[in-house]
Amino acid sequence: MAEHEHGKMDITVQEKTFASFMSFVTRTTIVILVLLVLMALFIR
């Protein structure tokens, strides 16, 4: 078995996936907050 060297693994794909996931979560959270505010204003 090969020896593991810390910091040698290529993680560019994982970084791109994580960035995409965080973008999705941020946009979804903003949409949900806007919908909640609109519901609070117009549904009484």
Protein backbone atom coordinates (compact mmCIF):
# COMPACT_ATOMS: atom_id res chain seq x y z
CA MET A 1 0.00 0.00 0.00
CA ALA A 2 1.30 3.47 -0.87
CA GLU A 3 2.21 5.92 1.84
CA HIS A 4 -0.18 8.84 2.32
CA GLU A 5 1.37 12.29 2.05
CA HIS A 6 -0.69 15.03 3.64
CA GLY A 7 -1.66 17.80 1.19
CA LYS A 8 -0.84 15.91 -2.00
CA MET A 9 -4.39 14.98 -3.10
CA ASP A 10 -6.02 16.93 -5.94
CA ILE A 11 -9.27 18.29 -4.49
CA THR A 12 -10.34 20.72 -7.23
CA VAL A 13 -13.46 18.68 -8.07
CA GLN A 14 -14.52 18.53 -4.42
CA GLU A 15 -13.95 22.29 -4.05
CA LYS A 16 -16.12 23.03 -7.12
CA THR A 17 -18.85 20.70 -5.83
CA PHE A 18 -18.81 22.35 -2.41
CA ALA A 19 -18.93 25.84 -3.96
CA SER A 20 -21.92 24.80 -6.09
CA PHE A 21 -23.67 23.31 -3.07
CA MET A 22 -23.11 26.45 -0.99
CA SER A 23 -24.42 28.62 -3.84
CA PHE A 24 -27.54 26.45 -4.07
CA VAL A 25 -28.13 26.61 -0.31
CA THR A 26 -27.63 30.39 -0.23
CA ARG A 27 -30.04 31.02 -3.11
CA THR A 28 -32.63 28.64 -1.68
CA THR A 29 -32.44 30.34 1.72
CA ILE A 30 -32.92 33.76 0.13
CA VAL A 31 -35.95 32.54 -1.84
CA ILE A 32 -37.51 31.02 1.28
CA LEU A 33 -36.96 34.23 3.27
CA VAL A 34 -38.49 36.36 0.51
CA LEU A 35 -41.52 34.05 0.35
CA LEU A 36 -41.96 34.23 4.13
CA VAL A 37 -41.83 38.04 4.06
CA LEU A 38 -44.34 38.18 1.21
CA MET A 39 -46.64 35.79 3.05
CA ALA A 40 -46.41 37.91 6.19
CA LEU A 41 -47.31 41.05 4.22
CA PHE A 42 -50.13 39.75 2.02
CA ILE A 43 -51.77 36.89 3.90
CA ARG A 44 -53.75 38.20 6.82
